Amino acid sequence: MTYLEQQVFTQVKAIIGNEEQVIGRRGILIPLKKALINEADIRIVIDIIATDPALAGHLLLRSNTAQAAGIIATKSRSIKDALIRLGHVNIYRYAFSFYLKERLDELAEPYNKLVKGYWALTECIATDAVQHLRDLEGDNQGINIDADEVQTLALFSVFGQVITLSAFAFLNAESEKTIALQVIKKLIDTQQQSLSVEAFEALGLDDELRNEFMIAHNLKQSTNPNSSGLLLRSVLAKRNVLINPLDDSSQYY
């Protein structure tokens, strides 16, 4: 790593640790996270989410993805139905990704276009993962994996790249001298694992999400047949985006 790359790497990691800068709208995320951690009554969670109709609509839409894919039979017709079905962990993951996407829309070019490319990829991966789950259930393989856990994990499948590129955009916006885009591209290519783990830890995402992310990217192994990470691994392998590419001994669906 060159001196410049080391400097940028250190500065990017510092920005990644600044949740307010990376996520932006924390007014709902903070009380929502506290309410979910404290297992607050569903009415309290509904009241918090209802203060942002866009978020409420997004959660209702996401909650019906599994129904639309034919994995579950019942459609959520209200935000209450959606939140009860999603569960605390998935509610926060979806909310976090929603506000992260909003923050990405504010980035200047060329970062906006690059990050949106990564985001489009995550949506495609999420769609593929839910379809893969349906196919496995259709084959009666006896697995018991929650569709929303698969989808939320998929939305974080290239989280390291998204956060790192966003942090680099903020860094360049504050810098007197523009840093070449090639510098951050090289860091993403060579330090993806480190930057991804750093982002999960710094932004306070749940340990299970980070663990399944590691399994999905073949950085950690699992013998759990109901691992959402193990299911996602084959999807990531087909798209050639695994941090640690598969070999003949790697386990996946």
C-alpha atoms as a PDB file:
ATOM      1  CA  MET A   1       0.000   0.000   0.000  1.00  0.00           C
ATOM      2  CA  THR A   2       1.464   3.373  -1.013  1.00  0.00           C
ATOM      3  CA  TYR A   3       1.673   6.297   1.401  1.00  0.00           C
ATOM      4  CA  LEU A   4      -1.267   8.011  -0.306  1.00  0.00           C
ATOM      5  CA  GLU A   5      -3.342   4.836  -0.216  1.00  0.00           C
ATOM      6  CA  GLN A   6      -2.573   4.399   3.489  1.00  0.00           C
ATOM      7  CA  GLN A   7      -3.640   7.989   4.171  1.00  0.00           C
ATOM      8  CA  VAL A   8      -6.883   7.577   2.255  1.00  0.00           C
ATOM      9  CA  PHE A   9      -7.526   4.196   3.900  1.00  0.00           C
ATOM     10  CA  THR A  10      -7.171   5.761   7.382  1.00  0.00           C
ATOM     11  CA  GLN A  11      -9.349   8.756   6.512  1.00  0.00           C
ATOM     12  CA  VAL A  12     -12.050   6.626   4.906  1.00  0.00           C
ATOM     13  CA  LYS A  13     -12.197   4.371   7.970  1.00  0.00           C
ATOM     14  CA  ALA A  14     -12.646   7.464  10.154  1.00  0.00           C
ATOM     15  CA  ILE A  15     -15.571   8.648   8.037  1.00  0.00           C
ATOM     16  CA  ILE A  16     -17.140   5.184   8.043  1.00  0.00           C
ATOM     17  CA  GLY A  17     -17.235   5.423  11.839  1.00  0.00           C
ATOM     18  CA  ASN A  18     -19.289   8.634  11.670  1.00  0.00           C
ATOM     19  CA  GLU A  19     -22.836   7.280  11.503  1.00  0.00           C
ATOM     20  CA  GLU A  20     -24.423  10.707  11.159  1.00  0.00           C
ATOM     21  CA  GLN A  21     -22.280  11.562   8.146  1.00  0.00           C
ATOM     22  CA  VAL A  22     -22.728   8.209   6.439  1.00  0.00           C
ATOM     23  CA  ILE A  23     -26.445   7.732   7.063  1.00  0.00           C
ATOM     24  CA  GLY A  24     -27.608  11.313   7.354  1.00  0.00           C
ATOM     25  CA  ARG A  25     -31.207  11.129   8.616  1.00  0.00           C
ATOM     26  CA  ARG A  26     -30.788   9.643  12.061  1.00  0.00           C
ATOM     27  CA  GLY A  27     -33.902  11.284  13.556  1.00  0.00           C
ATOM     28  CA  ILE A  28     -35.944   8.112  13.118  1.00  0.00           C
ATOM     29  CA  LEU A  29     -33.211   5.483  13.138  1.00  0.00           C
ATOM     30  CA  ILE A  30     -32.017   6.286  16.662  1.00  0.00           C
ATOM     31  CA  PRO A  31     -35.403   6.050  18.448  1.00  0.00           C
ATOM     32  CA  LEU A  32     -36.377   3.125  16.223  1.00  0.00           C
ATOM     33  CA  LYS A  33     -33.251   1.212  17.169  1.00  0.00           C
ATOM     34  CA  LYS A  34     -33.811   1.914  20.889  1.00  0.00           C
ATOM     35  CA  ALA A  35     -37.432   0.797  20.670  1.00  0.00           C
ATOM     36  CA  LEU A  36     -36.508  -2.418  18.857  1.00  0.00           C
ATOM     37  CA  ILE A  37     -33.657  -3.249  21.228  1.00  0.00           C
ATOM     38  CA  ASN A  38     -35.963  -2.700  24.200  1.00  0.00           C
ATOM     39  CA  GLU A  39     -38.646  -4.826  22.505  1.00  0.00           C
ATOM     40  CA  ALA A  40     -41.121  -1.988  22.764  1.00  0.00           C
ATOM     41  CA  ASP A  41     -44.816  -2.495  22.120  1.00  0.00           C
ATOM     42  CA  ILE A  42     -45.599  -2.669  18.405  1.00  0.00           C
ATOM     43  CA  ARG A  43     -47.719   0.476  18.729  1.00  0.00           C
ATOM     44  CA  ILE A  44     -44.648   2.475  19.761  1.00  0.00           C
ATOM     45  CA  VAL A  45     -42.699   1.149  16.773  1.00  0.00           C
ATOM     46  CA  ILE A  46     -45.613   2.004  14.469  1.00  0.00           C
ATOM     47  CA  ASP A  47     -45.777   5.551  15.851  1.00  0.00           C
ATOM     48  CA  ILE A  48     -42.059   6.081  15.209  1.00  0.00           C
ATOM     49  CA  ILE A  49     -42.210   4.763  11.660  1.00  0.00           C
ATOM     50  CA  ALA A  50     -45.427   6.628  10.883  1.00  0.00           C
ATOM     51  CA  THR A  51     -43.572   9.931  11.269  1.00  0.00           C
ATOM     52  CA  ASP A  52     -41.978   9.162   7.898  1.00  0.00           C
ATOM     53  CA  PRO A  53     -44.641   7.990   5.413  1.00  0.00           C
ATOM     54  CA  ALA A  54     -41.942   7.166   2.830  1.00  0.00           C
ATOM     55  CA  LEU A  55     -40.282   4.727   5.235  1.00  0.00           C
ATOM     56  CA  ALA A  56     -43.643   3.232   6.193  1.00  0.00           C
ATOM     57  CA  GLY A  57     -44.496   2.665   2.532  1.00  0.00           C
ATOM     58  CA  HIS A  58     -41.100   1.127   1.903  1.00  0.00           C
ATOM     59  CA  LEU A  59     -41.468  -1.346   4.779  1.00  0.00           C
ATOM     60  CA  LEU A  60     -44.927  -2.336   3.577  1.00  0.00           C
ATOM     61  CA  LEU A  61     -43.544  -2.907   0.087  1.00  0.00           C
ATOM     62  CA  ARG A  62     -40.605  -4.964   1.356  1.00  0.00           C
ATOM     63  CA  SER A  63     -42.832  -7.035   3.617  1.00  0.00           C
ATOM     64  CA  ASN A  64     -44.807  -8.202   0.593  1.00  0.00           C
ATOM     65  CA  THR A  65     -41.794  -9.325  -1.440  1.00  0.00           C
ATOM     66  CA  ALA A  66     -41.982 -12.863  -0.086  1.00  0.00           C
ATOM     67  CA  GLN A  67     -45.716 -12.997  -0.779  1.00  0.00           C
ATOM     68  CA  ALA A  68     -45.189 -11.743  -4.323  1.00  0.00           C
ATOM     69  CA  ALA A  69     -42.528 -14.419  -4.845  1.00  0.00           C
ATOM     70  CA  GLY A  70     -44.958 -17.108  -3.690  1.00  0.00           C
ATOM     71  CA  ILE A  71     -43.052 -18.009  -0.517  1.00  0.00           C
ATOM     72  CA  ILE A  72     -45.815 -16.936   1.863  1.00  0.00           C
ATOM     73  CA  ALA A  73     -49.546 -16.829   1.240  1.00  0.00           C
ATOM     74  CA  THR A  74     -50.723 -13.788   3.209  1.00  0.00           C
ATOM     75  CA  LYS A  75     -50.209 -10.237   1.999  1.00  0.00           C
ATOM     76  CA  SER A  76     -49.571  -7.434   4.501  1.00  0.00           C
ATOM     77  CA  ARG A  77     -52.328  -4.862   4.067  1.00  0.00           C
ATOM     78  CA  SER A  78     -51.267  -2.378   6.753  1.00  0.00           C
ATOM     79  CA  ILE A  79     -48.038  -1.153   8.289  1.00  0.00           C
ATOM     80  CA  LYS A  80     -48.986  -3.016  11.468  1.00  0.00           C
ATOM     81  CA  ASP A  81     -49.331  -6.274   9.530  1.00  0.00           C
ATOM     82  CA  ALA A  82     -45.987  -5.609   7.863  1.00  0.00           C
ATOM     83  CA  LEU A  83     -44.086  -4.866  11.073  1.00  0.00           C
ATOM     84  CA  ILE A  84     -45.492  -7.872  12.914  1.00  0.00           C
ATOM     85  CA  ARG A  85     -44.505 -10.147  10.059  1.00  0.00           C
ATOM     86  CA  LEU A  86     -41.024  -8.671   9.525  1.00  0.00           C
ATOM     87  CA  GLY A  87     -39.864  -8.825  13.134  1.00  0.00           C
ATOM     88  CA  HIS A  88     -37.554  -6.427  14.970  1.00  0.00           C
ATOM     89  CA  VAL A  89     -34.270  -7.322  13.269  1.00  0.00           C
ATOM     90  CA  ASN A  90     -35.592  -7.077   9.720  1.00  0.00           C
ATOM     91  CA  ILE A  91     -37.435  -3.824  10.456  1.00  0.00           C
ATOM     92  CA  TYR A  92     -34.177  -2.139  11.433  1.00  0.00           C
ATOM     93  CA  ARG A  93     -32.190  -3.619   8.551  1.00  0.00           C
ATOM     94  CA  TYR A  94     -34.771  -2.435   6.027  1.00  0.00           C
ATOM     95  CA  ALA A  95     -34.978   1.015   7.648  1.00  0.00           C
ATOM     96  CA  PHE A  96     -31.192   1.347   7.695  1.00  0.00           C
ATOM     97  CA  SER A  97     -30.903   0.395   4.022  1.00  0.00           C
ATOM     98  CA  PHE A  98     -33.736   2.812   3.148  1.00  0.00           C
ATOM     99  CA  TYR A  99     -31.977   5.796   4.718  1.00  0.00           C
ATOM    100  CA  LEU A 100     -28.617   4.702   3.368  1.00  0.00           C
ATOM    101  CA  LYS A 101     -30.109   4.736  -0.148  1.00  0.00           C
ATOM    102  CA  GLU A 102     -31.487   8.235   0.465  1.00  0.00           C
ATOM    103  CA  ARG A 103     -28.039   9.382   1.538  1.00  0.00           C
ATOM    104  CA  LEU A 104     -26.472   7.893  -1.579  1.00  0.00           C
ATOM    105  CA  ASP A 105     -28.833   9.949  -3.746  1.00  0.00           C
ATOM    106  CA  GLU A 106     -27.186  13.085  -2.339  1.00  0.00           C
ATOM    107  CA  LEU A 107     -23.666  12.193  -3.518  1.00  0.00           C
ATOM    108  CA  ALA A 108     -22.027  14.242  -6.252  1.00  0.00           C
ATOM    109  CA  GLU A 109     -20.901  12.746  -9.548  1.00  0.00           C
ATOM    110  CA  PRO A 110     -19.147  10.524 -10.448  1.00  0.00           C
ATOM    111  CA  TYR A 111     -19.753   8.858  -7.068  1.00  0.00           C
ATOM    112  CA  ASN A 112     -23.536   9.016  -7.370  1.00  0.00           C
ATOM    113  CA  LYS A 113     -23.507   6.966 -10.577  1.00  0.00           C
ATOM    114  CA  LEU A 114     -20.967   4.463  -9.242  1.00  0.00           C
ATOM    115  CA  VAL A 115     -22.774   3.902  -5.938  1.00  0.00           C
ATOM    116  CA  LYS A 116     -26.134   3.595  -7.681  1.00  0.00           C
ATOM    117  CA  GLY A 117     -24.565   0.871  -9.806  1.00  0.00           C
ATOM    118  CA  TYR A 118     -23.653  -1.019  -6.644  1.00  0.00           C
ATOM    119  CA  TRP A 119     -27.135  -0.439  -5.243  1.00  0.00           C
ATOM    120  CA  ALA A 120     -28.777  -1.762  -8.391  1.00  0.00           C
ATOM    121  CA  LEU A 121     -26.578  -4.830  -8.035  1.00  0.00           C
ATOM    122  CA  THR A 122     -27.771  -5.418  -4.463  1.00  0.00           C
ATOM    123  CA  GLU A 123     -31.398  -5.238  -5.577  1.00  0.00           C
ATOM    124  CA  CYS A 124     -30.713  -7.802  -8.304  1.00  0.00           C
ATOM    125  CA  ILE A 125     -28.927 -10.048  -5.808  1.00  0.00           C
ATOM    126  CA  ALA A 126     -31.867  -9.723  -3.402  1.00  0.00           C
ATOM    127  CA  THR A 127     -34.316 -10.722  -6.130  1.00  0.00           C
ATOM    128  CA  ASP A 128     -32.144 -13.696  -7.125  1.00  0.00           C
ATOM    129  CA  ALA A 129     -31.761 -14.782  -3.490  1.00  0.00           C
ATOM    130  CA  VAL A 130     -35.506 -14.762  -2.794  1.00  0.00           C
ATOM    131  CA  GLN A 131     -36.106 -16.710  -6.012  1.00  0.00           C
ATOM    132  CA  HIS A 132     -33.397 -19.183  -5.044  1.00  0.00           C
ATOM    133  CA  LEU A 133     -35.097 -19.681  -1.680  1.00  0.00           C
ATOM    134  CA  ARG A 134     -38.392 -20.348  -3.427  1.00  0.00           C
ATOM    135  CA  ASP A 135     -36.724 -22.865  -5.737  1.00  0.00           C
ATOM    136  CA  LEU A 136     -35.184 -24.708  -2.784  1.00  0.00           C
ATOM    137  CA  GLU A 137     -38.505 -24.813  -0.949  1.00  0.00           C
ATOM    138  CA  GLY A 138     -40.164 -26.049  -4.136  1.00  0.00           C
ATOM    139  CA  ASP A 139     -37.656 -28.891  -4.261  1.00  0.00           C
ATOM    140  CA  ASN A 140     -38.691 -29.865  -0.706  1.00  0.00           C
ATOM    141  CA  GLN A 141     -35.153 -29.633   0.649  1.00  0.00           C
ATOM    142  CA  GLY A 142     -36.432 -29.189   4.198  1.00  0.00           C
ATOM    143  CA  ILE A 143     -34.802 -25.839   4.911  1.00  0.00           C
ATOM    144  CA  ASN A 144     -36.332 -23.230   7.203  1.00  0.00           C
ATOM    145  CA  ILE A 145     -35.008 -19.805   6.196  1.00  0.00           C
ATOM    146  CA  ASP A 146     -36.892 -16.537   6.568  1.00  0.00           C
ATOM    147  CA  ALA A 147     -37.310 -14.775   3.230  1.00  0.00           C
ATOM    148  CA  ASP A 148     -36.769 -11.332   4.744  1.00  0.00           C
ATOM    149  CA  GLU A 149     -33.555 -12.421   6.444  1.00  0.00           C
ATOM    150  CA  VAL A 150     -32.317 -13.541   3.027  1.00  0.00           C
ATOM    151  CA  GLN A 151     -33.446 -10.305   1.401  1.00  0.00           C
ATOM    152  CA  THR A 152     -31.986  -8.004   4.065  1.00  0.00           C
ATOM    153  CA  LEU A 153     -28.696  -9.893   3.976  1.00  0.00           C
ATOM    154  CA  ALA A 154     -28.621  -9.570   0.195  1.00  0.00           C
ATOM    155  CA  LEU A 155     -29.130  -5.811   0.469  1.00  0.00           C
ATOM    156  CA  PHE A 156     -25.866  -5.693   2.422  1.00  0.00           C
ATOM    157  CA  SER A 157     -23.969  -8.061   0.109  1.00  0.00           C
ATOM    158  CA  VAL A 158     -21.749  -5.291  -1.330  1.00  0.00           C
ATOM    159  CA  PHE A 159     -22.075  -3.072   1.746  1.00  0.00           C
ATOM    160  CA  GLY A 160     -18.333  -2.523   2.032  1.00  0.00           C
ATOM    161  CA  GLN A 161     -18.057  -1.101  -1.468  1.00  0.00           C
ATOM    162  CA  VAL A 162     -21.099   1.154  -1.026  1.00  0.00           C
ATOM    163  CA  ILE A 163     -19.954   2.590   2.304  1.00  0.00           C
ATOM    164  CA  THR A 164     -16.318   2.955   1.239  1.00  0.00           C
ATOM    165  CA  LEU A 165     -17.166   4.760  -1.982  1.00  0.00           C
ATOM    166  CA  SER A 166     -19.592   7.023  -0.093  1.00  0.00           C
ATOM    167  CA  ALA A 167     -16.937   7.841   2.507  1.00  0.00           C
ATOM    168  CA  PHE A 168     -14.456   8.605  -0.282  1.00  0.00           C
ATOM    169  CA  ALA A 169     -16.976  11.006  -1.840  1.00  0.00           C
ATOM    170  CA  PHE A 170     -17.338  12.832   1.481  1.00  0.00           C
ATOM    171  CA  LEU A 171     -13.549  12.896   1.856  1.00  0.00           C
ATOM    172  CA  ASN A 172     -13.038  14.432  -1.582  1.00  0.00           C
ATOM    173  CA  ALA A 173     -15.768  16.990  -0.951  1.00  0.00           C
ATOM    174  CA  GLU A 174     -13.860  18.223   2.114  1.00  0.00           C
ATOM    175  CA  SER A 175     -10.386  17.989   0.568  1.00  0.00           C
ATOM    176  CA  GLU A 176      -8.586  20.948  -0.984  1.00  0.00           C
ATOM    177  CA  LYS A 177      -7.009  18.649  -3.568  1.00  0.00           C
ATOM    178  CA  THR A 178      -9.028  15.991  -5.393  1.00  0.00           C
ATOM    179  CA  ILE A 179      -7.863  12.431  -4.831  1.00  0.00           C
ATOM    180  CA  ALA A 180      -7.908  10.222  -7.936  1.00  0.00           C
ATOM    181  CA  LEU A 181     -10.756   7.720  -8.117  1.00  0.00           C
ATOM    182  CA  GLN A 182      -8.235   4.991  -8.950  1.00  0.00           C
ATOM    183  CA  VAL A 183      -6.946   5.188  -5.360  1.00  0.00           C
ATOM    184  CA  ILE A 184     -10.245   4.164  -3.809  1.00  0.00           C
ATOM    185  CA  LYS A 185     -10.875   1.578  -6.535  1.00  0.00           C
ATOM    186  CA  LYS A 186      -7.630  -0.139  -5.591  1.00  0.00           C
ATOM    187  CA  LEU A 187      -8.506  -0.013  -1.880  1.00  0.00           C
ATOM    188  CA  ILE A 188     -11.923  -1.527  -2.564  1.00  0.00           C
ATOM    189  CA  ASP A 189     -10.294  -4.304  -4.574  1.00  0.00           C
ATOM    190  CA  THR A 190      -7.605  -5.097  -1.993  1.00  0.00           C
ATOM    191  CA  GLN A 191      -9.217  -4.147   1.341  1.00  0.00           C
ATOM    192  CA  GLN A 192     -12.842  -5.123   0.777  1.00  0.00           C
ATOM    193  CA  GLN A 193     -13.027  -7.556   3.686  1.00  0.00           C
ATOM    194  CA  SER A 194     -11.440  -5.160   6.181  1.00  0.00           C
ATOM    195  CA  LEU A 195     -13.586  -2.225   5.075  1.00  0.00           C
ATOM    196  CA  SER A 196     -16.780  -4.311   5.120  1.00  0.00           C
ATOM    197  CA  VAL A 197     -16.202  -5.579   8.661  1.00  0.00           C
ATOM    198  CA  GLU A 198     -15.262  -2.062   9.747  1.00  0.00           C
ATOM    199  CA  ALA A 199     -18.534  -0.717   8.340  1.00  0.00           C
ATOM    200  CA  PHE A 200     -20.669  -3.353  10.082  1.00  0.00           C
ATOM    201  CA  GLU A 201     -18.991  -2.672  13.444  1.00  0.00           C
ATOM    202  CA  ALA A 202     -18.853   1.121  13.172  1.00  0.00           C
ATOM    203  CA  LEU A 203     -22.483   1.524  12.128  1.00  0.00           C
ATOM    204  CA  GLY A 204     -23.872  -0.727  14.843  1.00  0.00           C
ATOM    205  CA  LEU A 205     -25.540  -3.341  12.661  1.00  0.00           C
ATOM    206  CA  ASP A 206     -26.522  -6.615  14.322  1.00  0.00           C
ATOM    207  CA  ASP A 207     -23.941  -9.348  14.864  1.00  0.00           C
ATOM    208  CA  GLU A 208     -26.026 -11.955  13.065  1.00  0.00           C
ATOM    209  CA  LEU A 209     -26.044  -9.860   9.892  1.00  0.00           C
ATOM    210  CA  ARG A 210     -22.260  -9.526   9.999  1.00  0.00           C
ATOM    211  CA  ASN A 211     -21.843 -13.255  10.708  1.00  0.00           C
ATOM    212  CA  GLU A 212     -24.087 -14.298   7.817  1.00  0.00           C
ATOM    213  CA  PHE A 213     -22.310 -11.785   5.567  1.00  0.00           C
ATOM    214  CA  MET A 214     -19.024 -13.539   6.364  1.00  0.00           C
ATOM    215  CA  ILE A 215     -20.607 -16.920   5.571  1.00  0.00           C
ATOM    216  CA  ALA A 216     -22.136 -15.595   2.356  1.00  0.00           C
ATOM    217  CA  HIS A 217     -18.749 -14.347   1.144  1.00  0.00           C
ATOM    218  CA  ASN A 218     -17.025 -17.640   2.021  1.00  0.00           C
ATOM    219  CA  LEU A 219     -14.983 -15.949   4.757  1.00  0.00           C
ATOM    220  CA  LYS A 220     -16.508 -18.213   7.377  1.00  0.00           C
ATOM    221  CA  GLN A 221     -17.991 -21.687   7.133  1.00  0.00           C
ATOM    222  CA  SER A 222     -21.294 -22.999   8.458  1.00  0.00           C
ATOM    223  CA  THR A 223     -22.885 -26.411   8.894  1.00  0.00           C
ATOM    224  CA  ASN A 224     -26.280 -24.858   9.607  1.00  0.00           C
ATOM    225  CA  PRO A 225     -28.666 -25.910   6.803  1.00  0.00           C
ATOM    226  CA  ASN A 226     -30.849 -22.904   7.648  1.00  0.00           C
ATOM    227  CA  SER A 227     -28.095 -20.329   7.188  1.00  0.00           C
ATOM    228  CA  SER A 228     -29.219 -17.409   5.022  1.00  0.00           C
ATOM    229  CA  GLY A 229     -25.553 -16.687   4.324  1.00  0.00           C
ATOM    230  CA  LEU A 230     -25.020 -20.172   2.957  1.00  0.00           C
ATOM    231  CA  LEU A 231     -27.996 -19.753   0.650  1.00  0.00           C
ATOM    232  CA  LEU A 232     -26.751 -16.358  -0.533  1.00  0.00           C
ATOM    233  CA  ARG A 233     -23.260 -17.716  -1.189  1.00  0.00           C
ATOM    234  CA  SER A 234     -24.296 -19.554  -4.337  1.00  0.00           C
ATOM    235  CA  VAL A 235     -26.055 -16.435  -5.645  1.00  0.00           C
ATOM    236  CA  LEU A 236     -22.949 -14.312  -5.075  1.00  0.00           C
ATOM    237  CA  ALA A 237     -20.777 -17.008  -6.647  1.00  0.00           C
ATOM    238  CA  LYS A 238     -22.871 -16.995  -9.828  1.00  0.00           C
ATOM    239  CA  ARG A 239     -22.441 -13.219 -10.040  1.00  0.00           C
ATOM    240  CA  ASN A 240     -18.710 -13.542  -9.345  1.00  0.00           C
ATOM    241  CA  VAL A 241     -18.787 -11.059  -6.446  1.00  0.00           C
ATOM    242  CA  LEU A 242     -17.532 -13.256  -3.590  1.00  0.00           C
ATOM    243  CA  ILE A 243     -14.774 -11.684  -1.493  1.00  0.00           C
ATOM    244  CA  ASN A 244     -13.260 -15.158  -1.138  1.00  0.00           C
ATOM    245  CA  PRO A 245     -14.015 -17.146  -4.312  1.00  0.00           C
ATOM    246  CA  LEU A 246     -15.178 -20.728  -3.985  1.00  0.00           C
ATOM    247  CA  ASP A 247     -13.017 -23.800  -4.338  1.00  0.00           C
ATOM    248  CA  ASP A 248     -14.139 -27.408  -4.576  1.00  0.00           C
ATOM    249  CA  SER A 249     -14.314 -27.789  -0.788  1.00  0.00           C
ATOM    250  CA  SER A 250     -16.475 -24.707  -0.144  1.00  0.00           C
ATOM    251  CA  GLN A 251     -19.999 -25.387   1.067  1.00  0.00           C
ATOM    252  CA  TYR A 252     -22.994 -23.763  -0.567  1.00  0.00           C
ATOM    253  CA  TYR A 253     -26.507 -24.520  -1.776  1.00  0.00           C
END
